[in-house]
């Protein structure tokens, strides 16, 4: 069991993958690739490119793939309309998604999920736990729902498509608020994608102005008679219940998952792509295999280096990082 504030971990980084979010975006970022048999492979290709580029895009000591669990969550119990009107997902994406998920642990990586919670809650919980233990936390996602977790250089997001870090400055530049205000910002404006109501009639600029003046949602309502624009005050009064329900909906849980054995999340010392080479060949992902055999992978960690040092008989090709 890890001790909190372990000084040995202060220079270590854990990377948490918002798995579904990343795979969805990867699917739409690439052309509709297909195997020779006509099977869709765009999402699978994007996923393997991501694994191939670990170490080029970023260095990390530990990595974990956060997953949604099937079925409803506590948010559906709180608000029955939550995520009730989402757009239909393309069939090609649905076909590839379970295949990509099945490859994660076959490659030697770890996944994390919990019934009744969303992947975002798993991300938040691991990030919170890791930060308490002195680790730096990188979250691979561009999802705005995760902006509330940003803690400057301690917890930050990484957009794998744009290859950019999203920190407090980026949050302020894009939304005009600090990450610690993001929950209240979302509670005010709502979220049509997840069918979160918010305060009807309050948009981004109004929310920014209210939070700039009053700081928090609670303080806004405590000073509602001091709001200079009567229309804003009226909207807030009429939608108070929905504002606070929305706040509960957007607030990520930080107690749904804890780190017991950190080394379980260490990067695999055996080349993960070559571990599933026969499977990749079935989908005609020959180019990925060729690249990794020619160049290896780019990441090196203590676990990798110690393993190679203790097992010099293993070939460089099977353990090239």
Protein backbone atom coordinates (compact mmCIF):
# COMPACT_ATOMS: atom_id res chain seq x y z
CA UNK A 1 0.00 0.00 0.00
CA UNK A 2 1.38 3.38 -0.95
CA UNK A 3 2.03 6.00 1.68
CA UNK A 4 0.81 9.54 1.05
CA UNK A 5 3.42 12.16 0.12
CA UNK A 6 6.08 9.58 -0.67
CA UNK A 7 9.10 11.75 -1.54
CA UNK A 8 10.42 8.99 -3.82
CA UNK A 9 7.48 9.63 -6.15
CA UNK A 10 7.87 13.41 -6.46
CA UNK A 11 9.69 13.14 -9.80
CA UNK A 12 7.44 10.39 -11.16
CA UNK A 13 4.51 10.79 -13.55
CA UNK A 14 1.39 8.71 -13.99
CA UNK A 15 -0.54 9.00 -17.24
CA UNK A 16 -4.28 8.32 -17.15
CA UNK A 17 -6.01 7.64 -20.45
CA UNK A 18 -9.60 8.75 -20.94
CA UNK A 19 -9.97 5.63 -23.05
CA UNK A 20 -13.36 5.99 -24.70
CA UNK A 21 -12.87 9.70 -25.23
CA UNK A 22 -9.50 9.12 -26.86
CA UNK A 23 -10.74 6.26 -29.07
CA UNK A 24 -13.82 8.19 -30.17
CA UNK A 25 -11.72 11.17 -31.16
CA UNK A 26 -9.14 8.95 -32.83
CA UNK A 27 -11.91 7.41 -34.95
CA UNK A 28 -13.08 10.79 -36.23
CA UNK A 29 -9.53 12.13 -36.73
CA UNK A 30 -8.55 9.47 -39.27
CA UNK A 31 -9.98 8.57 -42.67
CA UNK A 32 -12.24 5.48 -42.87
CA UNK A 33 -9.43 2.94 -43.19
CA UNK A 34 -10.26 -0.69 -43.93
CA UNK A 35 -8.44 -4.01 -44.04
CA UNK A 36 -8.17 -6.01 -47.26
CA UNK A 37 -11.34 -7.84 -46.28
CA UNK A 38 -13.20 -4.55 -45.83
CA UNK A 39 -13.18 -4.52 -42.03
CA UNK A 40 -12.95 -0.97 -40.59
CA UNK A 41 -9.56 -0.26 -38.99
CA UNK A 42 -9.30 3.51 -38.58
CA UNK A 43 -9.86 3.49 -34.82
CA UNK A 44 -7.54 0.50 -34.37
CA UNK A 45 -4.81 2.19 -36.42
CA UNK A 46 -5.12 5.39 -34.37
CA UNK A 47 -4.86 3.41 -31.14
CA UNK A 48 -1.72 1.58 -32.25
CA UNK A 49 -0.15 4.85 -33.41
CA UNK A 50 -0.79 6.24 -29.94
CA UNK A 51 0.95 3.28 -28.28
CA UNK A 52 3.80 3.53 -30.77
CA UNK A 53 4.30 7.20 -29.92
CA UNK A 54 4.39 6.84 -26.14
CA UNK A 55 7.78 8.32 -25.32
CA UNK A 56 7.76 10.61 -28.35
CA UNK A 57 4.66 12.54 -27.35
CA UNK A 58 5.40 12.29 -23.62
CA UNK A 59 7.45 10.39 -21.05
CA UNK A 60 5.75 8.61 -18.17
CA UNK A 61 6.56 6.14 -15.41
CA UNK A 62 3.09 4.67 -15.01
CA UNK A 63 0.03 4.41 -17.23
CA UNK A 64 -3.57 3.28 -16.79
CA UNK A 65 -6.57 3.17 -19.13
CA UNK A 66 -9.78 4.38 -17.47
CA UNK A 67 -12.96 2.75 -18.77
CA UNK A 68 -16.69 3.30 -18.46
CA UNK A 69 -18.66 0.46 -16.93
CA UNK A 70 -21.84 -0.81 -18.65
CA UNK A 71 -25.22 0.34 -17.39
CA UNK A 72 -26.44 3.42 -15.58
CA UNK A 73 -24.56 5.42 -12.97
CA UNK A 74 -25.55 7.39 -9.90
CA UNK A 75 -26.09 10.38 -12.21
CA UNK A 76 -29.01 8.62 -13.93
CA UNK A 77 -30.60 8.09 -10.53
CA UNK A 78 -30.11 11.75 -9.68
CA UNK A 79 -31.47 13.02 -13.00
CA UNK A 80 -33.30 10.56 -15.25
CA UNK A 81 -32.71 12.68 -18.37
CA UNK A 82 -28.93 12.56 -17.99
CA UNK A 83 -27.36 11.64 -21.37
CA UNK A 84 -30.85 10.74 -22.60
CA UNK A 85 -30.58 12.27 -26.07
CA UNK A 86 -27.08 11.48 -27.26
CA UNK A 87 -26.40 11.19 -30.98
CA UNK A 88 -26.20 7.73 -32.48
CA UNK A 89 -22.67 6.34 -32.67
CA UNK A 90 -21.42 5.17 -36.12
CA UNK A 91 -21.54 1.40 -36.51
CA UNK A 92 -17.92 1.24 -37.71
CA UNK A 93 -16.85 2.82 -34.41
CA UNK A 94 -18.98 0.41 -32.36
CA UNK A 95 -17.48 -2.51 -34.28
CA UNK A 96 -13.88 -1.50 -33.51
CA UNK A 97 -14.31 -0.25 -29.95
CA UNK A 98 -14.50 -3.60 -28.10
CA UNK A 99 -11.59 -4.91 -30.15
CA UNK A 100 -9.38 -2.00 -29.15
CA UNK A 101 -10.43 -2.37 -25.50
CA UNK A 102 -9.55 -6.07 -25.57
CA UNK A 103 -6.03 -5.26 -26.79
CA UNK A 104 -5.16 -3.06 -23.79
CA UNK A 105 -4.46 -5.81 -21.26
CA UNK A 106 -3.19 -8.19 -23.96
CA UNK A 107 -0.43 -5.64 -24.56
CA UNK A 108 0.45 -5.58 -20.88
CA UNK A 109 -1.28 -2.35 -19.84
CA UNK A 110 -3.77 -2.03 -16.99
CA UNK A 111 -7.37 -0.84 -17.10
CA UNK A 112 -9.52 0.61 -14.32
CA UNK A 113 -13.31 0.77 -14.03
CA UNK A 114 -16.05 0.44 -11.43
CA UNK A 115 -19.73 -0.41 -11.76
CA UNK A 116 -21.92 2.65 -11.29
CA UNK A 117 -19.23 5.14 -12.22
CA UNK A 118 -18.08 6.74 -15.45
CA UNK A 119 -14.55 6.73 -16.77
CA UNK A 120 -14.26 10.43 -15.84
CA UNK A 121 -14.85 9.49 -12.19
CA UNK A 122 -12.13 6.84 -12.44
CA UNK A 123 -9.77 9.42 -13.95
CA UNK A 124 -10.59 11.89 -11.18
CA UNK A 125 -10.14 9.32 -8.43
CA UNK A 126 -6.79 8.02 -9.66
CA UNK A 127 -5.58 11.58 -10.28
CA UNK A 128 -6.58 12.62 -6.76
CA UNK A 129 -4.98 9.57 -5.17
CA UNK A 130 -1.79 9.85 -7.23
CA UNK A 131 -1.43 13.55 -6.48
CA UNK A 132 -1.75 12.90 -2.73
CA UNK A 133 1.13 10.48 -3.07
CA UNK A 134 3.39 13.01 -4.74
CA UNK A 135 3.02 11.94 -8.37
CA UNK A 136 2.63 14.33 -11.27
CA UNK A 137 -0.53 13.45 -13.23
CA UNK A 138 -1.03 13.64 -17.00
CA UNK A 139 -4.56 13.00 -18.28
CA UNK A 140 -4.73 12.08 -21.96
CA UNK A 141 -7.94 13.77 -23.03
CA UNK A 142 -9.31 17.01 -24.43
CA UNK A 143 -12.68 16.56 -22.70
CA UNK A 144 -13.80 19.79 -21.04
CA UNK A 145 -15.47 17.76 -18.28
CA UNK A 146 -11.96 17.00 -16.99
CA UNK A 147 -10.83 20.64 -16.84
CA UNK A 148 -12.02 20.76 -13.22
CA UNK A 149 -9.09 18.47 -12.33
CA UNK A 150 -6.35 20.74 -13.66
CA UNK A 151 -3.95 21.81 -10.94
CA UNK A 152 -1.36 23.72 -12.96
CA UNK A 153 1.84 21.65 -13.19
CA UNK A 154 0.58 18.95 -10.80
CA UNK A 155 -2.38 17.71 -12.82
CA UNK A 156 -2.75 18.65 -16.48
CA UNK A 157 -4.41 17.39 -19.63
CA UNK A 158 -2.68 16.31 -22.82
CA UNK A 159 -4.48 16.49 -26.14
CA UNK A 160 -3.14 13.49 -28.14
CA UNK A 161 -4.39 14.82 -31.47
CA UNK A 162 -3.06 18.38 -31.21
CA UNK A 163 -0.05 17.20 -29.13
CA UNK A 164 -0.52 20.02 -26.65
CA UNK A 165 -0.64 20.36 -22.88
CA UNK A 166 -3.79 21.88 -21.40
CA UNK A 167 -2.98 23.64 -18.13
CA UNK A 168 -4.51 26.43 -16.04
CA UNK A 169 -3.43 29.14 -18.49
CA UNK A 170 -5.06 27.29 -21.40
CA UNK A 171 -8.25 26.89 -19.39
CA UNK A 172 -8.38 30.60 -18.58
CA UNK A 173 -7.59 31.57 -22.18
CA UNK A 174 -10.35 29.35 -23.58
CA UNK A 175 -13.13 29.73 -21.00
CA UNK A 176 -12.24 32.86 -19.03
CA UNK A 177 -12.33 31.01 -15.70
CA UNK A 178 -9.93 29.05 -13.51
CA UNK A 179 -10.12 25.24 -13.38
CA UNK A 180 -11.35 25.34 -9.77
CA UNK A 181 -14.38 27.30 -11.04
CA UNK A 182 -15.14 24.89 -13.87
CA UNK A 183 -17.71 22.85 -11.95
CA UNK A 184 -19.74 25.96 -11.16
CA UNK A 185 -19.30 27.22 -14.72
CA UNK A 186 -20.78 23.99 -16.09
CA UNK A 187 -23.53 24.04 -13.48
CA UNK A 188 -24.57 27.47 -14.77
CA UNK A 189 -24.37 26.92 -18.53
CA UNK A 190 -25.31 23.21 -18.60
CA UNK A 191 -24.14 20.77 -21.25
CA UNK A 192 -26.32 19.80 -24.20
CA UNK A 193 -24.11 16.79 -25.04
CA UNK A 194 -24.86 15.17 -21.68
CA UNK A 195 -28.30 16.75 -21.33
CA UNK A 196 -27.32 18.68 -18.20
CA UNK A 197 -29.88 21.49 -17.79
CA UNK A 198 -27.89 24.23 -16.06
CA UNK A 199 -29.60 27.59 -15.61
CA UNK A 200 -31.87 28.17 -18.59
CA UNK A 201 -30.93 31.41 -20.35
CA UNK A 202 -27.45 31.69 -18.83
CA UNK A 203 -24.66 31.36 -21.38
CA UNK A 204 -20.89 31.36 -21.23
CA UNK A 205 -20.37 35.11 -20.98
CA UNK A 206 -22.96 35.51 -18.23
CA UNK A 207 -21.47 32.62 -16.29
CA UNK A 208 -17.98 34.11 -16.64
CA UNK A 209 -19.19 37.48 -15.37
CA UNK A 210 -21.03 35.97 -12.41
CA UNK A 211 -18.08 33.82 -11.38
CA UNK A 212 -15.65 36.69 -11.82
CA UNK A 213 -17.73 38.78 -9.41
CA UNK A 214 -18.88 36.17 -6.91
CA UNK A 215 -16.41 33.31 -7.26
CA UNK A 216 -18.67 30.30 -6.68
CA UNK A 217 -22.20 29.11 -7.38
CA UNK A 218 -23.04 29.18 -3.68
CA UNK A 219 -21.80 32.74 -3.34
CA UNK A 220 -23.82 33.80 -6.37
CA UNK A 221 -27.02 32.62 -4.71
CA UNK A 222 -26.03 34.10 -1.35
CA UNK A 223 -25.69 37.49 -3.09
CA UNK A 224 -28.51 37.10 -5.58
CA UNK A 225 -30.10 40.41 -4.49
CA UNK A 226 -26.83 42.19 -5.28
CA UNK A 227 -26.75 41.06 -8.91
CA UNK A 228 -26.95 44.23 -10.98
CA UNK A 229 -28.82 42.78 -13.95
CA UNK A 230 -32.41 41.90 -12.91
CA UNK A 231 -32.80 39.37 -15.72
CA UNK A 232 -29.82 37.36 -14.48
CA UNK A 233 -31.22 37.33 -10.95
CA UNK A 234 -34.61 36.19 -12.24
CA UNK A 235 -33.14 33.34 -14.29
CA UNK A 236 -31.06 32.19 -11.33
CA UNK A 237 -34.03 32.25 -8.96
CA UNK A 238 -36.26 30.34 -11.38
CA UNK A 239 -33.64 27.66 -12.00
CA UNK A 240 -32.00 27.30 -8.58
CA UNK A 241 -32.87 23.63 -8.17
CA UNK A 242 -31.55 22.75 -11.63
CA UNK A 243 -28.37 24.73 -10.97
CA UNK A 244 -27.48 22.64 -7.96
CA UNK A 245 -28.59 19.37 -9.56
CA UNK A 246 -26.37 20.27 -12.50
CA UNK A 247 -23.48 20.95 -10.16
CA UNK A 248 -23.84 17.48 -8.67
CA UNK A 249 -24.04 15.95 -12.13
CA UNK A 250 -20.83 17.59 -13.37
CA UNK A 251 -18.81 17.09 -10.19
CA UNK A 252 -16.46 14.16 -10.67
CA UNK A 253 -16.12 11.66 -7.85
CA UNK A 254 -12.64 11.29 -6.37
CA UNK A 255 -13.31 8.22 -4.23
CA UNK A 256 -14.33 5.60 -6.80
CA UNK A 257 -10.86 4.10 -7.31
CA UNK A 258 -7.62 4.06 -5.32
CA UNK A 259 -4.09 3.02 -6.11
CA UNK A 260 -3.01 0.07 -3.98
CA UNK A 261 0.00 -1.27 -5.87
CA UNK A 262 1.49 1.45 -8.06
CA UNK A 263 3.81 -0.94 -9.90
CA UNK A 264 0.78 -2.59 -11.46
CA UNK A 265 0.57 0.53 -13.61
CA UNK A 266 4.23 0.46 -14.66
CA UNK A 267 4.86 0.51 -18.39
CA UNK A 268 5.21 -3.05 -19.73
CA UNK A 269 8.82 -4.05 -20.27
CA UNK A 270 7.93 -6.35 -23.18
CA UNK A 271 7.15 -4.52 -26.41
CA UNK A 272 3.32 -4.24 -26.21
CA UNK A 273 2.70 -4.03 -29.94
CA UNK A 274 4.77 -7.12 -30.71
CA UNK A 275 2.87 -8.99 -28.00
CA UNK A 276 -0.23 -8.79 -30.19
CA UNK A 277 1.53 -9.04 -33.55
CA UNK A 278 -0.52 -12.06 -34.76
CA UNK A 279 -3.75 -10.19 -33.98
CA UNK A 280 -2.59 -7.04 -35.75
CA UNK A 281 -1.72 -9.06 -38.84
CA UNK A 282 -5.32 -10.28 -38.97
CA UNK A 283 -6.38 -6.66 -39.46
CA UNK A 284 -3.61 -5.91 -41.98
CA UNK A 285 -1.86 -3.48 -39.63
CA UNK A 286 1.47 -4.54 -41.11
CA UNK A 287 2.86 -1.03 -41.29
CA UNK A 288 2.57 -0.59 -37.52
CA UNK A 289 4.48 -3.81 -36.94
CA UNK A 290 7.12 -2.82 -39.49
CA UNK A 291 7.66 0.53 -37.81
CA UNK A 292 8.03 -0.92 -34.34
CA UNK A 293 10.47 -3.59 -35.58
CA UNK A 294 12.55 -0.98 -37.37
CA UNK A 295 12.52 1.70 -34.68
CA UNK A 296 11.24 0.10 -31.49
CA UNK A 297 9.25 2.12 -29.00
CA UNK A 298 10.37 5.40 -27.51
CA UNK A 299 9.75 5.01 -23.81
CA UNK A 300 12.22 4.03 -21.12
CA UNK A 301 11.43 3.64 -17.45
CA UNK A 302 13.14 2.18 -14.43
CA UNK A 303 11.05 -0.99 -14.77
CA UNK A 304 12.09 -1.42 -18.41
CA UNK A 305 15.77 -0.69 -17.79
CA UNK A 306 15.94 -2.93 -14.72
CA UNK A 307 14.34 -5.79 -16.59
CA UNK A 308 16.74 -5.52 -19.52
CA UNK A 309 19.70 -5.24 -17.14
CA UNK A 310 18.60 -8.39 -15.31
CA UNK A 311 17.73 -10.27 -18.51
CA UNK A 312 20.52 -9.47 -20.98
CA UNK A 313 19.80 -12.64 -22.93
CA UNK A 314 16.58 -11.17 -24.29
CA UNK A 315 16.89 -9.72 -27.76
CA UNK A 316 16.72 -5.99 -28.30
CA UNK A 317 14.01 -6.46 -30.90
CA UNK A 318 11.54 -7.97 -28.43
CA UNK A 319 12.31 -5.35 -25.79
CA UNK A 320 13.28 -2.27 -27.72
CA UNK A 321 11.96 0.91 -26.20
